[in-house]
C-alpha cells in the first residue's frame, strides 16, 4: 500500500541501467504535462557516478486480478476509461519528441526471433510435439503478418501490468515504472487479458483507434507470456514448472 507523500528511491543495479533511468526521468517529467492520470516521476537527488532517484509513492495499491474481480461494475468501467485514456495519451506522444528524450526503438523482428531460439533451447526439450508445433506456428504466423503489414510504432510503456497500475481509494488510477518504455508496437501494451479479461478488451476497442491487425498482434504478445514464463521457471528451478506447462498446453489448444 502506498500513501501520499511517501518516498521510494532507485539506485541503478548495473551501469547499463544508468542511461535507462536518465531517459525515464526525462520522459516522465515531459509526459506528466499532458497525462490525465497520475504517474511516478523519478527525480535525480544524487548526481554522482552512481545516481540516486527519488519518487513519490503512488497512493493506493496495485490493481491485481484479485482486487479487480472485487470491483463493482461501475468502478470497473471507471477503471477501464482511465486505462484507455492513459494509453491513448501515451501512444499519441510525438515519436520525434521522444527520440530527443532518449527513448529507444525496439527492433521487434530480431528480438522475437531470438526469443524463439531461446524457447527452442530450453522449453522445447521438455514439452510434447503438439506444444512445440503450436508455439512455432504462432511465431511463424506473427513473422508473416509483420512482414506483410505496416505497423505504426508509438511510445509504449513496455510493462503495462497489474503491479504498475495502481488503484487509489477514490477509484483513481495511477501508473508507475516506465523503465521498459520503447518506441514499438502499441499492441504490446495490451497484454492484460490474463488479468482484466475480455470485457476490458471489448471496452478498449470501442474507445481506441486500433488498426486492422492490432488484436492479432496483441494476442501473440499475450500468448508469448506463457512459454517465456515457463522458460524462466525451468532455468531457475521453480516449483511452478508443472503448473506453467499445463497453462501453456491450454493456451496452445485455444489457438488450434
C-alpha atoms as a PDB file:
ATOM      1  CA  UNK A   1       0.000   0.000   0.000  1.00  0.00           C
ATOM      2  CA  UNK A   2       1.215   3.475  -0.815  1.00  0.00           C
ATOM      3  CA  UNK A   3       0.422   6.702   0.994  1.00  0.00           C
ATOM      4  CA  UNK A   4       0.619  10.170  -0.489  1.00  0.00           C
ATOM      5  CA  UNK A   5       3.944  11.784   0.340  1.00  0.00           C
ATOM      6  CA  UNK A   6       5.860   8.546   0.958  1.00  0.00           C
ATOM      7  CA  UNK A   7       9.139   8.334  -0.952  1.00  0.00           C
ATOM      8  CA  UNK A   8      10.875   5.472  -2.709  1.00  0.00           C
ATOM      9  CA  UNK A   9      14.424   5.523  -4.042  1.00  0.00           C
ATOM     10  CA  UNK A  10      16.065   3.891  -7.031  1.00  0.00           C
ATOM     11  CA  UNK A  11      19.732   3.097  -7.468  1.00  0.00           C
ATOM     12  CA  UNK A  12      20.819   1.514 -10.797  1.00  0.00           C
ATOM     13  CA  UNK A  13      21.693  -2.142 -10.252  1.00  0.00           C
ATOM     14  CA  UNK A  14      24.132  -2.129 -13.164  1.00  0.00           C
ATOM     15  CA  UNK A  15      25.838   0.519 -15.252  1.00  0.00           C
ATOM     16  CA  UNK A  16      23.535  -0.336 -18.161  1.00  0.00           C
ATOM     17  CA  UNK A  17      20.581   0.936 -16.110  1.00  0.00           C
ATOM     18  CA  UNK A  18      22.036   4.422 -15.646  1.00  0.00           C
ATOM     19  CA  UNK A  19      21.000   5.536 -19.138  1.00  0.00           C
ATOM     20  CA  UNK A  20      17.571   3.907 -18.788  1.00  0.00           C
ATOM     21  CA  UNK A  21      16.932   5.769 -15.543  1.00  0.00           C
ATOM     22  CA  UNK A  22      18.003   9.066 -17.103  1.00  0.00           C
ATOM     23  CA  UNK A  23      15.661   8.507 -20.052  1.00  0.00           C
ATOM     24  CA  UNK A  24      12.755   7.559 -17.794  1.00  0.00           C
ATOM     25  CA  UNK A  25      13.224  10.684 -15.668  1.00  0.00           C
ATOM     26  CA  UNK A  26      13.338  12.986 -18.714  1.00  0.00           C
ATOM     27  CA  UNK A  27      10.372  11.368 -20.401  1.00  0.00           C
ATOM     28  CA  UNK A  28       8.129  11.212 -17.324  1.00  0.00           C
ATOM     29  CA  UNK A  29       8.764  14.874 -16.498  1.00  0.00           C
ATOM     30  CA  UNK A  30       7.654  15.788 -20.032  1.00  0.00           C
ATOM     31  CA  UNK A  31       4.764  13.304 -20.299  1.00  0.00           C
ATOM     32  CA  UNK A  32       3.317  14.394 -16.941  1.00  0.00           C
ATOM     33  CA  UNK A  33       2.453  17.751 -18.555  1.00  0.00           C
ATOM     34  CA  UNK A  34      -0.135  16.095 -20.814  1.00  0.00           C
ATOM     35  CA  UNK A  35      -1.097  12.921 -18.909  1.00  0.00           C
ATOM     36  CA  UNK A  36      -4.544  12.958 -17.307  1.00  0.00           C
ATOM     37  CA  UNK A  37      -3.563  10.298 -14.761  1.00  0.00           C
ATOM     38  CA  UNK A  38      -1.003  10.394 -12.007  1.00  0.00           C
ATOM     39  CA  UNK A  39       2.367   8.919 -12.945  1.00  0.00           C
ATOM     40  CA  UNK A  40       5.553   8.363 -10.975  1.00  0.00           C
ATOM     41  CA  UNK A  41       8.289  10.839 -11.903  1.00  0.00           C
ATOM     42  CA  UNK A  42      11.871   9.940 -10.940  1.00  0.00           C
ATOM     43  CA  UNK A  43      13.795  12.997  -9.672  1.00  0.00           C
ATOM     44  CA  UNK A  44      17.570  12.956  -9.518  1.00  0.00           C
ATOM     45  CA  UNK A  45      18.736  13.748  -5.968  1.00  0.00           C
ATOM     46  CA  UNK A  46      22.332  12.473  -6.107  1.00  0.00           C
ATOM     47  CA  UNK A  47      24.237  13.178  -9.324  1.00  0.00           C
ATOM     48  CA  UNK A  48      27.314  11.015  -8.956  1.00  0.00           C
ATOM     49  CA  UNK A  49      28.958   8.007 -10.598  1.00  0.00           C
ATOM     50  CA  UNK A  50      26.014   6.062  -9.127  1.00  0.00           C
ATOM     51  CA  UNK A  51      22.985   8.373  -9.405  1.00  0.00           C
ATOM     52  CA  UNK A  52      20.070   8.105  -6.981  1.00  0.00           C
ATOM     53  CA  UNK A  53      16.493   8.928  -7.965  1.00  0.00           C
ATOM     54  CA  UNK A  54      13.614   9.784  -5.667  1.00  0.00           C
ATOM     55  CA  UNK A  55       9.955   9.116  -6.490  1.00  0.00           C
ATOM     56  CA  UNK A  56       6.809   9.905  -4.591  1.00  0.00           C
ATOM     57  CA  UNK A  57       4.755   6.811  -3.836  1.00  0.00           C
ATOM     58  CA  UNK A  58       1.528   6.458  -5.743  1.00  0.00           C
ATOM     59  CA  UNK A  59      -1.367   6.353  -3.256  1.00  0.00           C
ATOM     60  CA  UNK A  60      -3.356   3.122  -3.242  1.00  0.00           C
ATOM     61  CA  UNK A  61      -2.401  -0.411  -4.204  1.00  0.00           C
ATOM     62  CA  UNK A  62      -1.595  -2.436  -7.340  1.00  0.00           C
ATOM     63  CA  UNK A  63      -4.678  -3.361  -9.360  1.00  0.00           C
ATOM     64  CA  UNK A  64      -4.157  -7.130  -9.126  1.00  0.00           C
ATOM     65  CA  UNK A  65      -6.530  -9.715 -10.574  1.00  0.00           C
ATOM     66  CA  UNK A  66      -7.976 -10.359  -7.108  1.00  0.00           C
ATOM     67  CA  UNK A  67      -8.676  -6.687  -6.417  1.00  0.00           C
ATOM     68  CA  UNK A  68     -10.027  -6.142  -9.926  1.00  0.00           C
ATOM     69  CA  UNK A  69     -12.512  -9.011  -9.610  1.00  0.00           C
ATOM     70  CA  UNK A  70     -13.878  -7.471  -6.402  1.00  0.00           C
ATOM     71  CA  UNK A  71     -14.711  -4.108  -8.002  1.00  0.00           C
ATOM     72  CA  UNK A  72     -18.280  -3.050  -8.644  1.00  0.00           C
ATOM     73  CA  UNK A  73     -19.434  -2.845 -12.259  1.00  0.00           C
ATOM     74  CA  UNK A  74     -19.432   0.946 -12.062  1.00  0.00           C
ATOM     75  CA  UNK A  75     -15.907   1.120 -10.667  1.00  0.00           C
ATOM     76  CA  UNK A  76     -14.658  -1.341 -13.274  1.00  0.00           C
ATOM     77  CA  UNK A  77     -15.965   0.878 -16.049  1.00  0.00           C
ATOM     78  CA  UNK A  78     -14.292   3.889 -14.453  1.00  0.00           C
ATOM     79  CA  UNK A  79     -11.014   1.948 -14.322  1.00  0.00           C
ATOM     80  CA  UNK A  80     -11.382   0.919 -17.990  1.00  0.00           C
ATOM     81  CA  UNK A  81     -11.994   4.504 -19.023  1.00  0.00           C
ATOM     82  CA  UNK A  82      -8.907   5.761 -17.182  1.00  0.00           C
ATOM     83  CA  UNK A  83      -6.706   2.992 -18.577  1.00  0.00           C
ATOM     84  CA  UNK A  84      -7.795   3.748 -22.149  1.00  0.00           C
ATOM     85  CA  UNK A  85      -7.246   7.483 -21.640  1.00  0.00           C
ATOM     86  CA  UNK A  86      -3.726   6.776 -20.380  1.00  0.00           C
ATOM     87  CA  UNK A  87      -2.876   4.504 -23.314  1.00  0.00           C
ATOM     88  CA  UNK A  88      -4.272   6.936 -25.875  1.00  0.00           C
ATOM     89  CA  UNK A  89      -2.281   9.820 -24.408  1.00  0.00           C
ATOM     90  CA  UNK A  90       0.899   7.753 -24.201  1.00  0.00           C
ATOM     91  CA  UNK A  91       0.591   6.309 -27.697  1.00  0.00           C
ATOM     92  CA  UNK A  92      -0.163   9.766 -29.100  1.00  0.00           C
ATOM     93  CA  UNK A  93       3.162  11.188 -27.887  1.00  0.00           C
ATOM     94  CA  UNK A  94       5.163  12.546 -30.857  1.00  0.00           C
ATOM     95  CA  UNK A  95       7.782   9.920 -31.665  1.00  0.00           C
ATOM     96  CA  UNK A  96      10.302  12.543 -32.782  1.00  0.00           C
ATOM     97  CA  UNK A  97       9.987  14.309 -29.438  1.00  0.00           C
ATOM     98  CA  UNK A  98      10.643  11.081 -27.598  1.00  0.00           C
ATOM     99  CA  UNK A  99      13.681  10.261 -29.714  1.00  0.00           C
ATOM    100  CA  UNK A 100      15.060  13.570 -28.478  1.00  0.00           C
ATOM    101  CA  UNK A 101      14.435  12.406 -24.912  1.00  0.00           C
ATOM    102  CA  UNK A 102      16.416   9.227 -25.477  1.00  0.00           C
ATOM    103  CA  UNK A 103      13.611   6.659 -25.862  1.00  0.00           C
ATOM    104  CA  UNK A 104      14.949   3.702 -27.849  1.00  0.00           C
ATOM    105  CA  UNK A 105      13.268   1.996 -30.787  1.00  0.00           C
ATOM    106  CA  UNK A 106      12.663  -1.713 -30.200  1.00  0.00           C
ATOM    107  CA  UNK A 107      13.795  -3.986 -33.044  1.00  0.00           C
ATOM    108  CA  UNK A 108      10.851  -6.348 -32.819  1.00  0.00           C
ATOM    109  CA  UNK A 109      11.652  -8.839 -35.591  1.00  0.00           C
ATOM    110  CA  UNK A 110      15.187  -9.675 -34.461  1.00  0.00           C
ATOM    111  CA  UNK A 111      14.190  -9.716 -30.792  1.00  0.00           C
ATOM    112  CA  UNK A 112      11.309 -12.142 -31.343  1.00  0.00           C
ATOM    113  CA  UNK A 113      13.486 -14.422 -33.465  1.00  0.00           C
ATOM    114  CA  UNK A 114      15.938 -14.557 -30.558  1.00  0.00           C
ATOM    115  CA  UNK A 115      13.073 -15.345 -28.150  1.00  0.00           C
ATOM    116  CA  UNK A 116      12.037 -18.294 -30.336  1.00  0.00           C
ATOM    117  CA  UNK A 117      15.614 -19.623 -30.315  1.00  0.00           C
ATOM    118  CA  UNK A 118      15.646 -19.376 -26.500  1.00  0.00           C
ATOM    119  CA  UNK A 119      12.383 -21.298 -26.269  1.00  0.00           C
ATOM    120  CA  UNK A 120      13.642 -23.985 -28.652  1.00  0.00           C
ATOM    121  CA  UNK A 121      16.724 -24.446 -26.481  1.00  0.00           C
ATOM    122  CA  UNK A 122      15.045 -24.568 -23.061  1.00  0.00           C
ATOM    123  CA  UNK A 123      11.301 -25.217 -23.378  1.00  0.00           C
ATOM    124  CA  UNK A 124      11.013 -27.482 -26.419  1.00  0.00           C
ATOM    125  CA  UNK A 125      13.064 -30.353 -24.913  1.00  0.00           C
ATOM    126  CA  UNK A 126      10.560 -30.741 -22.039  1.00  0.00           C
ATOM    127  CA  UNK A 127       7.193 -30.356 -23.822  1.00  0.00           C
ATOM    128  CA  UNK A 128       5.266 -32.529 -26.250  1.00  0.00           C
ATOM    129  CA  UNK A 129       5.288 -32.306 -30.017  1.00  0.00           C
ATOM    130  CA  UNK A 130       1.852 -30.676 -30.138  1.00  0.00           C
ATOM    131  CA  UNK A 131       3.039 -27.796 -27.966  1.00  0.00           C
ATOM    132  CA  UNK A 132       6.233 -27.391 -29.995  1.00  0.00           C
ATOM    133  CA  UNK A 133       4.232 -27.171 -33.212  1.00  0.00           C
ATOM    134  CA  UNK A 134       1.701 -24.749 -31.733  1.00  0.00           C
ATOM    135  CA  UNK A 135       4.366 -22.391 -30.357  1.00  0.00           C
ATOM    136  CA  UNK A 136       6.348 -22.494 -33.600  1.00  0.00           C
ATOM    137  CA  UNK A 137       3.190 -21.818 -35.602  1.00  0.00           C
ATOM    138  CA  UNK A 138       2.328 -18.764 -33.533  1.00  0.00           C
ATOM    139  CA  UNK A 139       5.760 -17.292 -34.134  1.00  0.00           C
ATOM    140  CA  UNK A 140       5.669 -18.142 -37.853  1.00  0.00           C
ATOM    141  CA  UNK A 141       2.235 -16.532 -38.241  1.00  0.00           C
ATOM    142  CA  UNK A 142       3.449 -13.445 -36.401  1.00  0.00           C
ATOM    143  CA  UNK A 143       6.564 -13.140 -38.559  1.00  0.00           C
ATOM    144  CA  UNK A 144       4.486 -13.497 -41.723  1.00  0.00           C
ATOM    145  CA  UNK A 145       1.979 -10.886 -40.540  1.00  0.00           C
ATOM    146  CA  UNK A 146       4.584  -8.310 -39.558  1.00  0.00           C
ATOM    147  CA  UNK A 147       6.464  -8.834 -42.814  1.00  0.00           C
ATOM    148  CA  UNK A 148       3.352  -8.015 -44.830  1.00  0.00           C
ATOM    149  CA  UNK A 149       1.782  -5.122 -42.933  1.00  0.00           C
ATOM    150  CA  UNK A 150       2.941  -1.721 -41.825  1.00  0.00           C
ATOM    151  CA  UNK A 151       2.814  -1.125 -38.085  1.00  0.00           C
ATOM    152  CA  UNK A 152       2.722   2.434 -36.832  1.00  0.00           C
ATOM    153  CA  UNK A 153       5.159   2.450 -33.938  1.00  0.00           C
ATOM    154  CA  UNK A 154       4.423   4.653 -30.935  1.00  0.00           C
ATOM    155  CA  UNK A 155       5.839   5.273 -27.484  1.00  0.00           C
ATOM    156  CA  UNK A 156       4.799   2.345 -25.278  1.00  0.00           C
ATOM    157  CA  UNK A 157       5.009   1.762 -21.534  1.00  0.00           C
ATOM    158  CA  UNK A 158       6.535  -1.647 -22.130  1.00  0.00           C
ATOM    159  CA  UNK A 159       5.340  -3.264 -18.891  1.00  0.00           C
ATOM    160  CA  UNK A 160       1.728  -2.148 -18.527  1.00  0.00           C
ATOM    161  CA  UNK A 161       0.874  -4.789 -15.942  1.00  0.00           C
ATOM    162  CA  UNK A 162      -1.084  -5.038 -12.652  1.00  0.00           C
ATOM    163  CA  UNK A 163       1.955  -4.299 -10.479  1.00  0.00           C
ATOM    164  CA  UNK A 164       2.410  -0.987 -12.298  1.00  0.00           C
ATOM    165  CA  UNK A 165      -1.264   0.076 -12.413  1.00  0.00           C
ATOM    166  CA  UNK A 166      -2.313   1.498  -9.061  1.00  0.00           C
ATOM    167  CA  UNK A 167      -5.856   1.991  -7.762  1.00  0.00           C
ATOM    168  CA  UNK A 168      -6.429   4.832  -5.298  1.00  0.00           C
ATOM    169  CA  UNK A 169      -9.024   4.943  -2.538  1.00  0.00           C
ATOM    170  CA  UNK A 170     -11.358   7.117  -4.649  1.00  0.00           C
ATOM    171  CA  UNK A 171     -11.116   4.903  -7.711  1.00  0.00           C
ATOM    172  CA  UNK A 172      -8.412   6.948  -9.435  1.00  0.00           C
ATOM    173  CA  UNK A 173      -5.753   5.155 -11.467  1.00  0.00           C
ATOM    174  CA  UNK A 174      -2.042   5.905 -11.485  1.00  0.00           C
ATOM    175  CA  UNK A 175       0.789   4.330 -13.476  1.00  0.00           C
ATOM    176  CA  UNK A 176       4.342   3.710 -12.292  1.00  0.00           C
ATOM    177  CA  UNK A 177       7.663   2.371 -13.617  1.00  0.00           C
ATOM    178  CA  UNK A 178       8.363   3.480 -17.184  1.00  0.00           C
ATOM    179  CA  UNK A 179      11.783   1.802 -17.199  1.00  0.00           C
ATOM    180  CA  UNK A 180      10.855  -0.548 -20.083  1.00  0.00           C
ATOM    181  CA  UNK A 181       9.343   2.077 -22.375  1.00  0.00           C
ATOM    182  CA  UNK A 182      10.310   1.927 -26.028  1.00  0.00           C
ATOM    183  CA  UNK A 183       9.164   3.079 -29.412  1.00  0.00           C
ATOM    184  CA  UNK A 184       7.361  -0.039 -30.608  1.00  0.00           C
ATOM    185  CA  UNK A 185       4.035  -1.624 -31.493  1.00  0.00           C
ATOM    186  CA  UNK A 186       1.258  -0.135 -29.280  1.00  0.00           C
ATOM    187  CA  UNK A 187      -0.446  -3.550 -29.182  1.00  0.00           C
ATOM    188  CA  UNK A 188       2.356  -4.692 -26.879  1.00  0.00           C
ATOM    189  CA  UNK A 189       0.883  -2.574 -24.065  1.00  0.00           C
ATOM    190  CA  UNK A 190      -2.369  -4.571 -24.153  1.00  0.00           C
ATOM    191  CA  UNK A 191      -1.045  -7.853 -22.763  1.00  0.00           C
ATOM    192  CA  UNK A 192      -3.572  -7.651 -19.932  1.00  0.00           C
ATOM    193  CA  UNK A 193      -6.295 -10.150 -20.855  1.00  0.00           C
ATOM    194  CA  UNK A 194      -4.904 -12.650 -18.332  1.00  0.00           C
ATOM    195  CA  UNK A 195      -5.775 -10.177 -15.564  1.00  0.00           C
ATOM    196  CA  UNK A 196      -8.606  -7.923 -16.749  1.00  0.00           C
ATOM    197  CA  UNK A 197     -10.342 -10.262 -19.179  1.00  0.00           C
ATOM    198  CA  UNK A 198     -12.116  -9.919 -22.497  1.00  0.00           C
ATOM    199  CA  UNK A 199     -14.529  -7.379 -21.026  1.00  0.00           C
ATOM    200  CA  UNK A 200     -11.777  -4.789 -20.771  1.00  0.00           C
ATOM    201  CA  UNK A 201     -10.529  -5.530 -24.288  1.00  0.00           C
ATOM    202  CA  UNK A 202     -14.066  -5.123 -25.670  1.00  0.00           C
ATOM    203  CA  UNK A 203     -14.301  -1.732 -23.986  1.00  0.00           C
ATOM    204  CA  UNK A 204     -10.818  -0.784 -25.183  1.00  0.00           C
ATOM    205  CA  UNK A 205     -11.569  -1.497 -28.831  1.00  0.00           C
ATOM    206  CA  UNK A 206     -14.696   0.617 -28.603  1.00  0.00           C
ATOM    207  CA  UNK A 207     -12.648   3.650 -27.479  1.00  0.00           C
ATOM    208  CA  UNK A 208      -9.276   3.215 -29.202  1.00  0.00           C
ATOM    209  CA  UNK A 209      -8.499   3.690 -32.880  1.00  0.00           C
ATOM    210  CA  UNK A 210      -6.819   0.318 -33.435  1.00  0.00           C
ATOM    211  CA  UNK A 211      -5.593  -0.835 -36.834  1.00  0.00           C
ATOM    212  CA  UNK A 212      -6.949  -3.959 -38.554  1.00  0.00           C
ATOM    213  CA  UNK A 213      -4.248  -6.333 -37.260  1.00  0.00           C
ATOM    214  CA  UNK A 214      -3.961  -4.896 -33.753  1.00  0.00           C
ATOM    215  CA  UNK A 215      -5.760  -7.765 -31.984  1.00  0.00           C
ATOM    216  CA  UNK A 216      -3.788 -10.454 -33.845  1.00  0.00           C
ATOM    217  CA  UNK A 217      -0.526  -8.901 -32.703  1.00  0.00           C
ATOM    218  CA  UNK A 218      -1.823  -8.246 -29.194  1.00  0.00           C
ATOM    219  CA  UNK A 219      -2.881 -11.867 -28.764  1.00  0.00           C
ATOM    220  CA  UNK A 220       0.572 -13.030 -29.888  1.00  0.00           C
ATOM    221  CA  UNK A 221       2.286 -10.828 -27.304  1.00  0.00           C
ATOM    222  CA  UNK A 222      -0.092 -12.137 -24.654  1.00  0.00           C
ATOM    223  CA  UNK A 223       0.464 -15.744 -25.678  1.00  0.00           C
ATOM    224  CA  UNK A 224       4.251 -15.449 -25.522  1.00  0.00           C
ATOM    225  CA  UNK A 225       3.997 -14.753 -21.790  1.00  0.00           C
ATOM    226  CA  UNK A 226       3.300 -18.456 -21.208  1.00  0.00           C
ATOM    227  CA  UNK A 227       6.362 -20.071 -22.823  1.00  0.00           C
ATOM    228  CA  UNK A 228       8.647 -17.262 -21.639  1.00  0.00           C
ATOM    229  CA  UNK A 229       7.465 -17.678 -18.040  1.00  0.00           C
ATOM    230  CA  UNK A 230       7.955 -21.435 -18.362  1.00  0.00           C
ATOM    231  CA  UNK A 231      11.487 -20.920 -19.679  1.00  0.00           C
ATOM    232  CA  UNK A 232      12.318 -18.703 -16.696  1.00  0.00           C
ATOM    233  CA  UNK A 233      10.920 -21.258 -14.252  1.00  0.00           C
ATOM    234  CA  UNK A 234      12.926 -24.067 -15.854  1.00  0.00           C
ATOM    235  CA  UNK A 235      16.147 -22.063 -15.662  1.00  0.00           C
ATOM    236  CA  UNK A 236      15.555 -21.081 -12.043  1.00  0.00           C
ATOM    237  CA  UNK A 237      14.273 -24.468 -10.861  1.00  0.00           C
ATOM    238  CA  UNK A 238      10.914 -23.035  -9.808  1.00  0.00           C
ATOM    239  CA  UNK A 239       8.134 -25.219  -8.384  1.00  0.00           C
ATOM    240  CA  UNK A 240       5.794 -23.555 -10.896  1.00  0.00           C
ATOM    241  CA  UNK A 241       7.091 -25.551 -13.873  1.00  0.00           C
ATOM    242  CA  UNK A 242       4.295 -28.145 -13.789  1.00  0.00           C
ATOM    243  CA  UNK A 243       1.535 -25.545 -13.484  1.00  0.00           C
ATOM    244  CA  UNK A 244       3.009 -23.395 -16.236  1.00  0.00           C
ATOM    245  CA  UNK A 245       3.353 -26.382 -18.585  1.00  0.00           C
ATOM    246  CA  UNK A 246      -0.368 -27.084 -18.182  1.00  0.00           C
ATOM    247  CA  UNK A 247      -1.195 -23.418 -18.740  1.00  0.00           C
ATOM    248  CA  UNK A 248       0.893 -23.380 -21.914  1.00  0.00           C
ATOM    249  CA  UNK A 249      -0.833 -26.516 -23.159  1.00  0.00           C
ATOM    250  CA  UNK A 250      -4.238 -24.903 -22.586  1.00  0.00           C
ATOM    251  CA  UNK A 251      -3.181 -21.758 -24.481  1.00  0.00           C
ATOM    252  CA  UNK A 252      -1.892 -23.848 -27.384  1.00  0.00           C
ATOM    253  CA  UNK A 253      -5.194 -25.731 -27.572  1.00  0.00           C
ATOM    254  CA  UNK A 254      -7.117 -22.433 -27.804  1.00  0.00           C
ATOM    255  CA  UNK A 255      -5.115 -21.453 -30.844  1.00  0.00           C
ATOM    256  CA  UNK A 256      -5.874 -24.743 -32.525  1.00  0.00           C
END
